[in-house]
N, C-alpha and C. Protein backbone atom coordinates (compact mmCIF):
# COMPACT_ATOMS: atom_id res chain seq x y z
N MET A 1 24.84 -7.15 3.01
CA MET A 1 26.11 -6.93 2.28
C MET A 1 26.71 -5.81 3.25
N ARG A 2 25.93 -5.04 3.19
CA ARG A 2 26.69 -3.72 4.12
C ARG A 2 27.26 -4.12 5.53
N ALA A 3 26.41 -4.81 6.40
CA ALA A 3 26.70 -5.42 7.51
C ALA A 3 27.82 -6.32 7.58
N GLY A 4 28.03 -7.10 6.77
CA GLY A 4 28.83 -8.11 6.47
C GLY A 4 28.37 -9.38 7.23
N THR A 5 27.19 -9.60 7.05
CA THR A 5 26.60 -10.87 7.79
C THR A 5 26.67 -12.12 6.60
N TRP A 6 26.69 -11.75 5.33
CA TRP A 6 26.61 -12.85 4.31
C TRP A 6 28.01 -13.49 4.09
N THR A 7 28.00 -14.67 4.37
CA THR A 7 29.24 -15.66 4.49
C THR A 7 29.44 -16.48 3.51
N GLY A 8 28.08 -16.38 2.44
CA GLY A 8 28.18 -17.39 1.57
C GLY A 8 26.90 -17.98 1.60
N TRP A 9 26.78 -19.14 0.53
CA TRP A 9 25.45 -19.83 0.30
C TRP A 9 25.06 -20.88 1.72
N ALA A 10 23.97 -20.58 2.36
CA ALA A 10 23.75 -21.50 3.52
C ALA A 10 22.82 -22.65 2.86
N LEU A 11 22.59 -23.61 3.84
CA LEU A 11 21.68 -24.89 3.39
C LEU A 11 20.26 -24.14 3.10
N ASP A 12 19.78 -23.05 3.67
CA ASP A 12 18.53 -22.71 3.12
C ASP A 12 18.37 -21.82 1.83
N TYR A 13 19.67 -21.74 1.36
CA TYR A 13 19.69 -20.77 0.01
C TYR A 13 19.09 -19.61 0.18
N MET A 14 18.93 -19.08 1.17
CA MET A 14 18.25 -17.63 1.15
C MET A 14 16.84 -17.68 0.49
N LEU A 15 16.20 -18.61 0.44
CA LEU A 15 14.97 -18.68 -0.30
C LEU A 15 14.05 -17.68 0.21
N GLY A 16 13.49 -17.08 -0.74
CA GLY A 16 12.33 -15.95 -0.35
C GLY A 16 11.06 -16.52 -1.04
N THR A 17 10.12 -15.17 -1.34
CA THR A 17 9.19 -15.37 -2.27
C THR A 17 9.07 -14.63 -3.48
N GLU A 18 7.90 -14.52 -4.11
CA GLU A 18 7.74 -13.86 -5.25
C GLU A 18 6.38 -13.79 -5.79
N LEU A 19 6.28 -12.95 -6.80
CA LEU A 19 4.73 -12.62 -7.11
C LEU A 19 4.09 -13.92 -7.87
N ARG A 20 4.84 -14.62 -8.43
CA ARG A 20 4.18 -15.65 -9.40
C ARG A 20 3.64 -16.50 -8.56
N GLY A 21 2.15 -16.79 -9.28
CA GLY A 21 1.32 -17.84 -8.45
C GLY A 21 0.82 -17.31 -7.27
N LYS A 22 0.79 -15.84 -7.04
CA LYS A 22 0.42 -15.15 -5.89
C LYS A 22 -0.96 -14.38 -6.63
N GLN A 23 -1.71 -14.26 -5.62
CA GLN A 23 -2.82 -13.10 -5.75
C GLN A 23 -2.75 -12.09 -4.90
N LEU A 24 -2.91 -10.79 -5.52
CA LEU A 24 -2.70 -9.44 -4.95
C LEU A 24 -4.01 -8.88 -4.48
N GLY A 25 -4.40 -8.37 -3.41
CA GLY A 25 -5.62 -7.59 -3.07
C GLY A 25 -4.91 -6.06 -2.85
N ILE A 26 -5.58 -5.05 -3.61
CA ILE A 26 -5.31 -3.54 -3.33
C ILE A 26 -6.56 -3.01 -2.55
N VAL A 27 -5.77 -2.40 -1.55
CA VAL A 27 -7.06 -1.88 -0.67
C VAL A 27 -6.98 -0.29 -1.23
N GLY A 28 -8.19 0.18 -1.80
CA GLY A 28 -8.23 1.38 -2.55
C GLY A 28 -7.93 1.09 -3.97
N MET A 29 -9.10 1.50 -4.91
CA MET A 29 -9.10 1.60 -6.12
C MET A 29 -9.18 2.73 -6.71
N GLY A 30 -8.46 3.84 -6.45
CA GLY A 30 -8.14 5.27 -6.79
C GLY A 30 -7.28 5.23 -8.03
N ARG A 31 -6.84 6.58 -8.45
CA ARG A 31 -5.81 6.71 -9.66
C ARG A 31 -4.70 5.91 -9.31
N ILE A 32 -4.12 5.92 -8.12
CA ILE A 32 -2.88 5.08 -7.83
C ILE A 32 -2.83 3.61 -7.93
N GLY A 33 -4.33 3.22 -7.29
CA GLY A 33 -4.48 1.68 -6.97
C GLY A 33 -4.91 1.23 -8.41
N LYS A 34 -5.38 2.03 -9.57
CA LYS A 34 -5.43 1.62 -11.02
C LYS A 34 -4.28 1.45 -11.50
N ALA A 35 -3.31 2.23 -11.48
CA ALA A 35 -1.88 2.41 -12.01
C ALA A 35 -1.34 1.01 -11.57
N ILE A 36 -1.06 1.04 -10.53
CA ILE A 36 -0.49 -0.32 -9.90
C ILE A 36 -1.14 -1.45 -10.09
N GLY A 37 -2.55 -1.80 -10.54
CA GLY A 37 -3.29 -2.71 -10.90
C GLY A 37 -2.68 -3.10 -12.39
N ARG A 38 -2.64 -1.90 -13.15
CA ARG A 38 -2.36 -2.14 -14.68
C ARG A 38 -0.91 -2.93 -14.80
N ARG A 39 0.19 -2.14 -13.61
CA ARG A 39 1.17 -3.00 -13.81
C ARG A 39 1.54 -4.33 -13.34
N LEU A 40 0.82 -4.64 -12.31
CA LEU A 40 0.52 -6.11 -11.89
C LEU A 40 0.07 -7.14 -13.12
N GLU A 41 -0.91 -6.49 -13.75
CA GLU A 41 -1.38 -7.31 -14.83
C GLU A 41 -0.54 -7.60 -15.84
N ALA A 42 0.53 -6.64 -16.05
CA ALA A 42 1.57 -6.91 -17.03
C ALA A 42 2.49 -8.10 -16.55
N PHE A 43 2.74 -8.28 -15.19
CA PHE A 43 3.44 -9.34 -14.74
C PHE A 43 2.47 -10.60 -14.74
N GLY A 44 1.14 -10.63 -15.14
CA GLY A 44 0.29 -11.77 -14.88
C GLY A 44 0.06 -12.03 -13.70
N VAL A 45 -0.12 -11.09 -12.64
CA VAL A 45 -0.59 -11.36 -11.19
C VAL A 45 -2.06 -11.21 -11.03
N PRO A 46 -2.91 -11.94 -10.81
CA PRO A 46 -4.22 -11.46 -10.50
C PRO A 46 -4.54 -10.56 -9.36
N VAL A 47 -5.32 -9.61 -9.68
CA VAL A 47 -5.30 -8.65 -8.83
C VAL A 47 -7.13 -8.52 -8.63
N VAL A 48 -7.27 -8.29 -7.10
CA VAL A 48 -8.67 -8.08 -6.76
C VAL A 48 -8.70 -6.76 -5.74
N TYR A 49 -9.69 -6.29 -5.52
CA TYR A 49 -9.46 -5.04 -4.86
C TYR A 49 -10.76 -4.73 -3.67
N HIS A 50 -10.46 -4.01 -2.69
CA HIS A 50 -11.80 -3.90 -1.71
C HIS A 50 -11.51 -2.12 -1.90
N ALA A 51 -12.86 -1.63 -1.80
CA ALA A 51 -12.75 0.01 -1.76
C ALA A 51 -13.91 0.19 -1.00
N ARG A 52 -14.44 1.61 -0.91
CA ARG A 52 -15.69 1.97 -0.20
C ARG A 52 -16.61 1.47 -1.39
N ASN A 53 -16.65 1.63 -2.46
CA ASN A 53 -17.53 1.17 -3.31
C ASN A 53 -16.62 0.47 -4.40
N ARG A 54 -17.64 -0.11 -5.62
CA ARG A 54 -17.29 -0.91 -6.73
C ARG A 54 -16.93 0.10 -7.59
N VAL A 55 -15.83 0.05 -8.35
CA VAL A 55 -15.46 0.96 -9.42
C VAL A 55 -15.78 0.70 -10.86
N ALA A 56 -16.34 1.41 -11.49
CA ALA A 56 -16.96 1.05 -12.63
C ALA A 56 -16.06 0.60 -13.97
N ASP A 57 -14.88 1.28 -13.95
CA ASP A 57 -13.97 1.24 -14.99
C ASP A 57 -13.04 0.11 -14.66
N VAL A 58 -12.93 -0.84 -13.76
CA VAL A 58 -12.20 -1.78 -13.78
C VAL A 58 -12.43 -3.28 -13.67
N SER A 59 -11.95 -4.20 -14.20
CA SER A 59 -12.45 -5.51 -14.22
C SER A 59 -12.17 -6.49 -13.42
N TYR A 60 -11.39 -5.74 -12.26
CA TYR A 60 -10.80 -6.73 -11.09
C TYR A 60 -12.06 -7.03 -10.56
N GLU A 61 -12.03 -8.42 -9.62
CA GLU A 61 -13.06 -8.79 -8.54
C GLU A 61 -13.39 -7.78 -7.61
N TYR A 62 -14.20 -7.21 -7.35
CA TYR A 62 -14.48 -6.70 -6.24
C TYR A 62 -14.86 -7.11 -4.92
N TYR A 63 -14.17 -6.86 -3.77
CA TYR A 63 -14.64 -7.42 -2.49
C TYR A 63 -15.35 -6.15 -1.65
N ALA A 64 -16.55 -6.54 -1.27
CA ALA A 64 -17.09 -5.73 -0.35
C ALA A 64 -16.70 -5.56 1.00
N SER A 65 -16.00 -6.69 1.47
CA SER A 65 -15.59 -7.10 2.89
C SER A 65 -13.82 -7.07 2.78
N LEU A 66 -13.40 -6.31 3.42
CA LEU A 66 -11.92 -6.12 3.42
C LEU A 66 -11.39 -7.59 3.98
N LEU A 67 -12.13 -8.07 5.03
CA LEU A 67 -11.56 -9.15 5.86
C LEU A 67 -11.76 -10.65 4.61
N GLU A 68 -12.72 -10.54 3.93
CA GLU A 68 -12.94 -11.56 3.32
C GLU A 68 -11.63 -11.63 1.96
N MET A 69 -11.44 -10.50 1.66
CA MET A 69 -10.42 -10.11 0.56
C MET A 69 -8.99 -10.64 1.44
N ALA A 70 -8.80 -10.47 2.55
CA ALA A 70 -7.32 -10.78 3.00
C ALA A 70 -7.53 -12.21 3.13
N ARG A 71 -8.54 -12.94 3.58
CA ARG A 71 -8.44 -14.41 3.52
C ARG A 71 -7.95 -14.95 2.21
N ASP A 72 -8.43 -14.28 1.05
CA ASP A 72 -8.39 -14.57 -0.28
C ASP A 72 -6.97 -14.54 -0.97
N VAL A 73 -6.43 -13.58 -0.44
CA VAL A 73 -5.10 -12.98 -1.10
C VAL A 73 -3.88 -13.36 -0.43
N ASP A 74 -2.90 -13.37 -1.08
CA ASP A 74 -1.22 -13.45 -0.63
C ASP A 74 -0.71 -12.08 -0.11
N THR A 75 -1.08 -11.39 -0.78
CA THR A 75 -0.75 -9.93 -0.41
C THR A 75 -1.41 -8.68 -0.44
N LEU A 76 -1.50 -7.75 0.59
CA LEU A 76 -2.43 -6.63 0.78
C LEU A 76 -1.35 -5.60 0.31
N MET A 77 -1.93 -4.69 -0.64
CA MET A 77 -1.19 -3.55 -1.07
C MET A 77 -2.23 -2.36 -0.60
N VAL A 78 -1.84 -1.70 0.41
CA VAL A 78 -2.74 -0.50 0.72
C VAL A 78 -2.51 0.69 0.29
N ILE A 79 -3.44 1.33 -0.37
CA ILE A 79 -3.43 2.73 -1.32
C ILE A 79 -4.64 3.49 -0.86
N VAL A 80 -5.00 3.93 0.09
CA VAL A 80 -6.11 4.68 0.72
C VAL A 80 -5.71 6.07 1.17
N PRO A 81 -6.43 7.13 1.19
CA PRO A 81 -6.21 8.22 1.96
C PRO A 81 -6.24 7.67 3.44
N GLY A 82 -5.66 8.80 4.40
CA GLY A 82 -5.67 8.90 5.64
C GLY A 82 -6.81 9.39 6.23
N GLY A 83 -6.86 9.32 7.51
CA GLY A 83 -8.20 10.11 8.11
C GLY A 83 -8.87 9.18 8.98
N ALA A 84 -9.84 9.70 9.58
CA ALA A 84 -10.88 8.83 10.44
C ALA A 84 -11.24 7.67 9.69
N ALA A 85 -11.90 7.77 8.54
CA ALA A 85 -12.60 6.49 7.82
C ALA A 85 -11.86 5.57 7.60
N THR A 86 -10.18 5.47 7.51
CA THR A 86 -9.41 4.46 7.15
C THR A 86 -8.42 4.16 8.31
N LYS A 87 -8.86 4.99 9.74
CA LYS A 87 -7.61 4.73 10.82
C LYS A 87 -7.83 3.24 11.15
N ASN A 88 -6.54 2.58 11.23
CA ASN A 88 -6.46 1.23 11.65
C ASN A 88 -7.58 0.33 11.03
N MET A 89 -7.70 0.54 9.72
CA MET A 89 -8.46 -0.46 9.08
C MET A 89 -7.80 -1.81 8.74
N ILE A 90 -6.53 -1.56 8.65
CA ILE A 90 -5.79 -2.78 8.66
C ILE A 90 -5.42 -3.41 10.35
N ASP A 91 -5.97 -3.98 10.82
CA ASP A 91 -5.88 -4.38 12.06
C ASP A 91 -5.61 -5.74 12.35
N ALA A 92 -5.49 -6.09 13.61
CA ALA A 92 -5.24 -7.63 14.08
C ALA A 92 -6.15 -8.61 13.24
N GLU A 93 -7.18 -8.10 13.23
CA GLU A 93 -8.41 -9.14 12.49
C GLU A 93 -7.77 -9.41 11.09
N VAL A 94 -7.64 -8.26 10.67
CA VAL A 94 -7.16 -8.43 9.02
C VAL A 94 -6.11 -9.16 8.86
N LEU A 95 -5.02 -8.90 9.56
CA LEU A 95 -3.71 -9.44 9.45
C LEU A 95 -3.58 -10.90 9.76
N LYS A 96 -4.41 -11.22 10.51
CA LYS A 96 -4.87 -12.88 10.63
C LYS A 96 -5.46 -13.62 9.80
N ALA A 97 -6.53 -13.03 8.99
CA ALA A 97 -7.10 -13.31 7.83
C ALA A 97 -5.94 -13.58 6.79
N LEU A 98 -5.07 -12.44 6.69
CA LEU A 98 -4.09 -12.72 5.73
C LEU A 98 -3.21 -13.99 5.94
N GLY A 99 -3.09 -14.28 7.07
CA GLY A 99 -2.24 -15.58 7.23
C GLY A 99 -0.62 -15.45 7.19
N PRO A 100 -0.26 -16.80 7.60
CA PRO A 100 1.40 -16.73 7.65
C PRO A 100 2.03 -16.60 6.60
N ASN A 101 1.79 -16.71 5.38
CA ASN A 101 2.07 -16.42 4.07
C ASN A 101 2.00 -14.83 3.56
N GLY A 102 1.31 -14.27 4.00
CA GLY A 102 0.48 -12.91 3.83
C GLY A 102 1.65 -11.93 3.87
N ILE A 103 1.82 -10.91 3.04
CA ILE A 103 2.40 -9.96 2.96
C ILE A 103 1.52 -8.51 3.02
N VAL A 104 2.02 -7.63 3.80
CA VAL A 104 1.18 -6.25 3.66
C VAL A 104 2.15 -5.17 3.09
N ILE A 105 1.74 -4.50 2.33
CA ILE A 105 2.61 -3.36 1.88
C ILE A 105 1.81 -2.04 1.91
N ASN A 106 2.38 -1.24 2.90
CA ASN A 106 1.52 0.10 3.07
C ASN A 106 2.29 1.26 2.27
N MET A 107 1.61 1.82 1.28
CA MET A 107 2.19 3.07 0.66
C MET A 107 1.01 4.15 0.90
N ALA A 108 0.18 3.98 1.79
CA ALA A 108 -0.75 4.93 1.69
C ALA A 108 -0.40 6.07 2.99
N ARG A 109 -1.07 5.86 4.26
CA ARG A 109 -0.74 6.60 5.25
C ARG A 109 -0.23 5.67 6.55
N GLY A 110 0.63 6.19 7.65
CA GLY A 110 0.83 5.34 8.63
C GLY A 110 -0.25 4.93 9.45
N SER A 111 -1.24 5.62 9.65
CA SER A 111 -2.57 5.71 10.33
C SER A 111 -3.34 4.46 9.85
N VAL A 112 -3.16 4.38 8.80
CA VAL A 112 -4.23 3.12 8.02
C VAL A 112 -4.12 1.65 8.68
N ILE A 113 -2.58 1.61 8.99
CA ILE A 113 -2.11 0.39 9.75
C ILE A 113 -2.20 0.26 11.24
N ASP A 114 -2.77 -0.62 11.90
CA ASP A 114 -2.86 -0.59 13.59
C ASP A 114 -1.36 -0.77 13.76
N GLU A 115 -0.15 0.00 13.95
CA GLU A 115 1.07 -0.34 14.11
C GLU A 115 1.44 -1.21 15.11
N PRO A 116 0.70 -1.25 16.33
CA PRO A 116 1.13 -2.27 17.16
C PRO A 116 0.75 -3.49 17.10
N ALA A 117 -0.35 -3.76 16.20
CA ALA A 117 -0.69 -4.97 15.74
C ALA A 117 0.02 -5.47 14.72
N LEU A 118 0.41 -4.81 13.72
CA LEU A 118 1.26 -5.10 12.68
C LEU A 118 2.46 -5.70 13.60
N ILE A 119 3.14 -4.94 14.36
CA ILE A 119 4.30 -5.54 15.31
C ILE A 119 4.17 -6.91 15.69
N GLU A 120 3.04 -7.11 16.44
CA GLU A 120 2.76 -8.11 16.95
C GLU A 120 2.79 -9.33 15.94
N ALA A 121 1.83 -8.91 14.86
CA ALA A 121 1.55 -10.15 13.75
C ALA A 121 3.04 -10.15 13.25
N LEU A 122 4.00 -9.58 13.20
CA LEU A 122 5.28 -9.86 12.72
C LEU A 122 6.30 -10.57 13.37
N LYS A 123 6.22 -10.26 14.84
CA LYS A 123 6.95 -11.01 15.85
C LYS A 123 6.60 -12.33 15.90
N ASN A 124 5.03 -12.47 16.02
CA ASN A 124 4.52 -13.89 16.09
C ASN A 124 4.21 -14.77 14.75
N ARG A 125 4.90 -14.13 13.73
CA ARG A 125 4.70 -14.78 12.31
C ARG A 125 3.06 -15.10 12.17
N THR A 126 2.48 -14.25 12.31
CA THR A 126 0.89 -14.26 11.81
C THR A 126 1.10 -13.86 10.31
N ILE A 127 1.63 -12.88 10.15
CA ILE A 127 2.31 -12.86 8.75
C ILE A 127 3.42 -13.13 8.07
N TYR A 128 3.87 -13.00 6.99
CA TYR A 128 5.07 -13.54 6.43
C TYR A 128 6.12 -12.12 6.62
N SER A 129 5.51 -11.01 6.03
CA SER A 129 6.52 -9.93 6.06
C SER A 129 5.73 -8.60 5.87
N ALA A 130 6.34 -7.69 5.57
CA ALA A 130 5.59 -6.15 5.32
C ALA A 130 6.52 -5.27 4.69
N GLY A 131 6.27 -4.66 3.74
CA GLY A 131 6.80 -3.62 3.03
C GLY A 131 6.01 -2.10 3.43
N LEU A 132 7.20 -1.15 4.30
CA LEU A 132 6.40 0.12 4.53
C LEU A 132 7.10 1.12 4.03
N ASP A 133 6.51 2.00 3.49
CA ASP A 133 7.05 3.36 3.12
C ASP A 133 6.36 4.45 3.96
N VAL A 134 5.51 4.29 4.87
CA VAL A 134 4.83 4.91 5.75
C VAL A 134 4.53 4.55 7.41
N PHE A 135 4.57 5.37 8.34
CA PHE A 135 4.61 4.95 9.66
C PHE A 135 3.71 5.94 10.45
N ALA A 136 3.18 5.35 11.55
CA ALA A 136 2.20 5.99 12.29
C ALA A 136 2.68 7.52 12.78
N LYS A 137 3.75 7.53 13.27
CA LYS A 137 4.45 8.70 13.82
C LYS A 137 5.79 9.24 13.18
N GLU A 138 5.71 9.38 11.76
CA GLU A 138 6.64 9.97 11.01
C GLU A 138 7.53 11.04 11.42
N PRO A 139 8.68 11.24 11.77
CA PRO A 139 9.55 10.22 11.15
C PRO A 139 9.90 9.01 11.83
N HIS A 140 9.48 9.17 13.02
CA HIS A 140 9.68 7.93 14.21
C HIS A 140 9.29 6.42 13.84
N VAL A 141 10.15 5.64 13.54
CA VAL A 141 9.95 4.20 13.26
C VAL A 141 10.20 3.47 14.46
N PRO A 142 9.05 2.74 14.68
CA PRO A 142 9.27 1.96 15.81
C PRO A 142 10.64 1.02 15.99
N LYS A 143 11.36 0.75 17.05
CA LYS A 143 12.43 0.04 17.09
C LYS A 143 12.18 -1.33 16.73
N GLU A 144 11.25 -1.84 17.16
CA GLU A 144 10.63 -3.20 16.84
C GLU A 144 10.57 -3.53 15.35
N LEU A 145 10.10 -2.53 14.63
CA LEU A 145 10.26 -2.66 12.75
C LEU A 145 11.72 -2.51 12.39
N ILE A 146 12.52 -1.75 12.95
CA ILE A 146 13.88 -1.64 12.52
C ILE A 146 14.60 -2.98 12.91
N GLY A 147 14.56 -3.69 13.82
CA GLY A 147 14.99 -4.81 14.28
C GLY A 147 14.70 -5.81 13.69
N MET A 148 13.69 -5.96 12.88
CA MET A 148 13.15 -7.07 12.34
C MET A 148 13.76 -7.24 10.68
N ASP A 149 14.13 -8.47 10.58
CA ASP A 149 14.77 -8.83 9.16
C ASP A 149 13.96 -9.36 8.09
N HIS A 150 12.92 -9.42 8.28
CA HIS A 150 11.70 -9.86 7.39
C HIS A 150 10.75 -8.75 7.09
N VAL A 151 11.41 -7.71 7.11
CA VAL A 151 10.36 -6.28 6.91
C VAL A 151 11.25 -5.34 5.89
N VAL A 152 10.54 -4.74 5.24
CA VAL A 152 11.30 -3.82 4.22
C VAL A 152 10.87 -2.51 4.76
N LEU A 153 11.82 -1.61 5.11
CA LEU A 153 11.26 -0.17 5.35
C LEU A 153 12.01 0.98 4.43
N PHE A 154 11.06 1.67 4.08
CA PHE A 154 11.66 2.82 3.38
C PHE A 154 11.09 3.92 3.99
N PRO A 155 11.99 5.31 3.92
CA PRO A 155 11.47 6.80 4.27
C PRO A 155 10.23 6.99 3.33
N HIS A 156 9.33 7.55 3.85
CA HIS A 156 8.21 8.28 3.18
C HIS A 156 8.53 8.83 1.90
N LEU A 157 8.76 8.15 0.90
CA LEU A 157 9.42 8.87 -0.51
C LEU A 157 8.61 8.18 -1.55
N GLY A 158 7.63 7.67 -1.53
CA GLY A 158 6.87 7.03 -2.65
C GLY A 158 6.86 7.82 -3.86
N SER A 159 6.92 9.03 -3.77
CA SER A 159 6.61 9.89 -5.37
C SER A 159 7.95 10.82 -5.43
N SER A 160 9.07 10.60 -4.81
CA SER A 160 10.24 11.23 -4.78
C SER A 160 10.99 10.82 -5.90
N THR A 161 10.74 11.46 -7.03
CA THR A 161 11.88 11.29 -8.12
C THR A 161 11.52 12.59 -8.71
N GLU A 162 12.48 12.95 -9.48
CA GLU A 162 12.50 14.31 -10.31
C GLU A 162 11.41 14.51 -11.35
N VAL A 163 11.23 13.55 -12.23
CA VAL A 163 9.96 13.34 -13.00
C VAL A 163 8.75 13.39 -12.30
N THR A 164 8.36 12.76 -11.42
CA THR A 164 7.43 12.79 -11.02
C THR A 164 6.83 14.12 -10.11
N ARG A 165 7.77 14.49 -9.51
CA ARG A 165 7.71 16.00 -8.75
C ARG A 165 7.58 17.05 -9.62
N ALA A 166 8.23 17.13 -10.83
CA ALA A 166 7.87 17.98 -11.74
C ALA A 166 6.43 17.97 -12.57
N ALA A 167 5.91 16.78 -12.50
CA ALA A 167 4.70 16.23 -13.28
C ALA A 167 3.80 17.11 -11.95
N MET A 168 4.04 16.75 -10.79
CA MET A 168 2.94 17.26 -9.74
C MET A 168 3.16 18.84 -9.80
N ASP A 169 4.08 19.48 -9.88
CA ASP A 169 4.29 20.82 -10.02
C ASP A 169 3.47 21.51 -11.14
N GLN A 170 3.44 20.86 -12.25
CA GLN A 170 2.68 21.19 -13.43
C GLN A 170 1.02 20.88 -13.15
N LEU A 171 0.91 19.79 -12.67
CA LEU A 171 -0.58 19.73 -12.48
C LEU A 171 -1.24 20.83 -11.66
N VAL A 172 -0.37 21.16 -10.44
CA VAL A 172 -0.86 22.53 -9.53
C VAL A 172 -1.08 23.62 -10.42
N VAL A 173 -0.10 23.90 -11.44
CA VAL A 173 -0.32 25.22 -12.59
C VAL A 173 -1.44 24.87 -13.27
N ASP A 174 -1.56 23.73 -13.72
CA ASP A 174 -2.97 23.42 -14.52
C ASP A 174 -4.11 23.36 -14.02
N ASN A 175 -4.19 23.06 -12.94
CA ASN A 175 -5.29 23.18 -11.93
C ASN A 175 -5.87 24.65 -11.68
N ILE A 176 -4.68 25.40 -11.33
CA ILE A 176 -4.69 26.79 -11.19
C ILE A 176 -5.56 27.65 -12.43
N MET A 177 -4.67 27.43 -13.41
CA MET A 177 -5.14 27.84 -14.68
C MET A 177 -6.54 27.30 -15.01
N ALA A 178 -7.07 26.36 -15.08
CA ALA A 178 -8.36 25.81 -15.15
C ALA A 178 -9.26 26.62 -14.38
N TRP A 179 -8.96 26.93 -13.05
CA TRP A 179 -9.77 27.61 -11.90
C TRP A 179 -9.90 29.00 -12.77
N ALA A 180 -8.95 29.72 -12.73
CA ALA A 180 -8.68 31.00 -13.48
C ALA A 180 -9.78 31.37 -14.68
N ALA A 181 -9.60 30.36 -15.40
CA ALA A 181 -10.48 30.26 -16.67
C ALA A 181 -11.87 29.89 -16.42
N GLY A 182 -12.41 29.91 -15.04
CA GLY A 182 -13.65 29.66 -14.68
C GLY A 182 -14.22 27.82 -15.10
N LYS A 183 -13.19 27.07 -15.27
CA LYS A 183 -13.20 25.79 -15.50
C LYS A 183 -13.27 25.07 -14.09
N PRO A 184 -13.90 23.82 -14.20
CA PRO A 184 -13.49 22.94 -13.03
C PRO A 184 -12.09 22.55 -12.71
N ALA A 185 -11.91 21.91 -11.68
CA ALA A 185 -10.51 21.45 -11.40
C ALA A 185 -10.42 20.35 -12.19
N LEU A 186 -9.04 20.05 -12.49
CA LEU A 186 -8.51 18.77 -13.36
C LEU A 186 -8.51 17.97 -12.30
N THR A 187 -8.23 17.65 -11.29
CA THR A 187 -8.18 16.78 -10.27
C THR A 187 -8.70 17.27 -8.95
N PRO A 188 -10.06 17.03 -8.73
CA PRO A 188 -10.82 17.79 -7.71
C PRO A 188 -10.66 16.38 -6.87
N VAL A 189 -11.03 17.06 -5.53
CA VAL A 189 -10.89 16.17 -4.54
C VAL A 189 -12.18 15.99 -3.82
N PRO A 190 -12.77 14.77 -4.11
CA PRO A 190 -14.37 14.65 -3.90
C PRO A 190 -14.48 14.92 -2.26
N GLU A 191 -13.67 14.78 -1.33
CA GLU A 191 -13.86 15.30 0.06
C GLU A 191 -13.88 16.37 0.38
N THR A 192 -13.32 17.31 -0.44
CA THR A 192 -13.47 18.69 -0.27
C THR A 192 -13.87 19.47 -1.30
N PRO A 193 -15.22 19.42 -1.68
CA PRO A 193 -15.59 19.99 -2.99
C PRO A 193 -15.57 21.60 -2.67
N VAL A 194 -15.38 22.32 -3.98
CA VAL A 194 -15.33 23.62 -3.76
C VAL A 194 -16.27 24.47 -4.92
N LYS A 195 -17.00 25.15 -4.14
CA LYS A 195 -18.13 25.62 -5.28
C LYS A 195 -17.49 27.06 -5.81
N ARG A 196 -17.88 27.16 -7.03
CA ARG A 196 -17.35 28.29 -7.87
C ARG A 196 -18.51 29.47 -7.82
């Protein structure tokens, strides 16, 4: 609209896609993955997941193989921590398995997706689309991604609301208070255990 390129209804009626009738695969089933899964369930969207390990308190189907899950779903929603263990885990092979109707949504870290492979998959229509909130070299966003009209790009602002940030601030205070009282952390980070 802002660019002034919409001149009315065209013969293709600007048809897009939606979640109805789709299967969504969540990559990572931590606190955020579970919260997203609950919201998708409310819309009647079937959810499956891939994680390092099966998660005991969720009923979604678990895939030990990311590649197999990518073959079986329409959308991959990526919500894993960054780091060496997840670097480029969404690579050309996973994107190819997702297929020409597939959508990848990355809200995790830019390092989790092989960005050059993603750009090629989007250029060649190996996948249908991508929604990106994170990038490999933030705040730099590759010009190829900016130039594509079938990609949704946001600055890295997934938790940027006043309510969420106030809750994050309170959680820090609550963790410090627990530590000062000799109690365990309320939100421990398994990768960095602290002995008291």
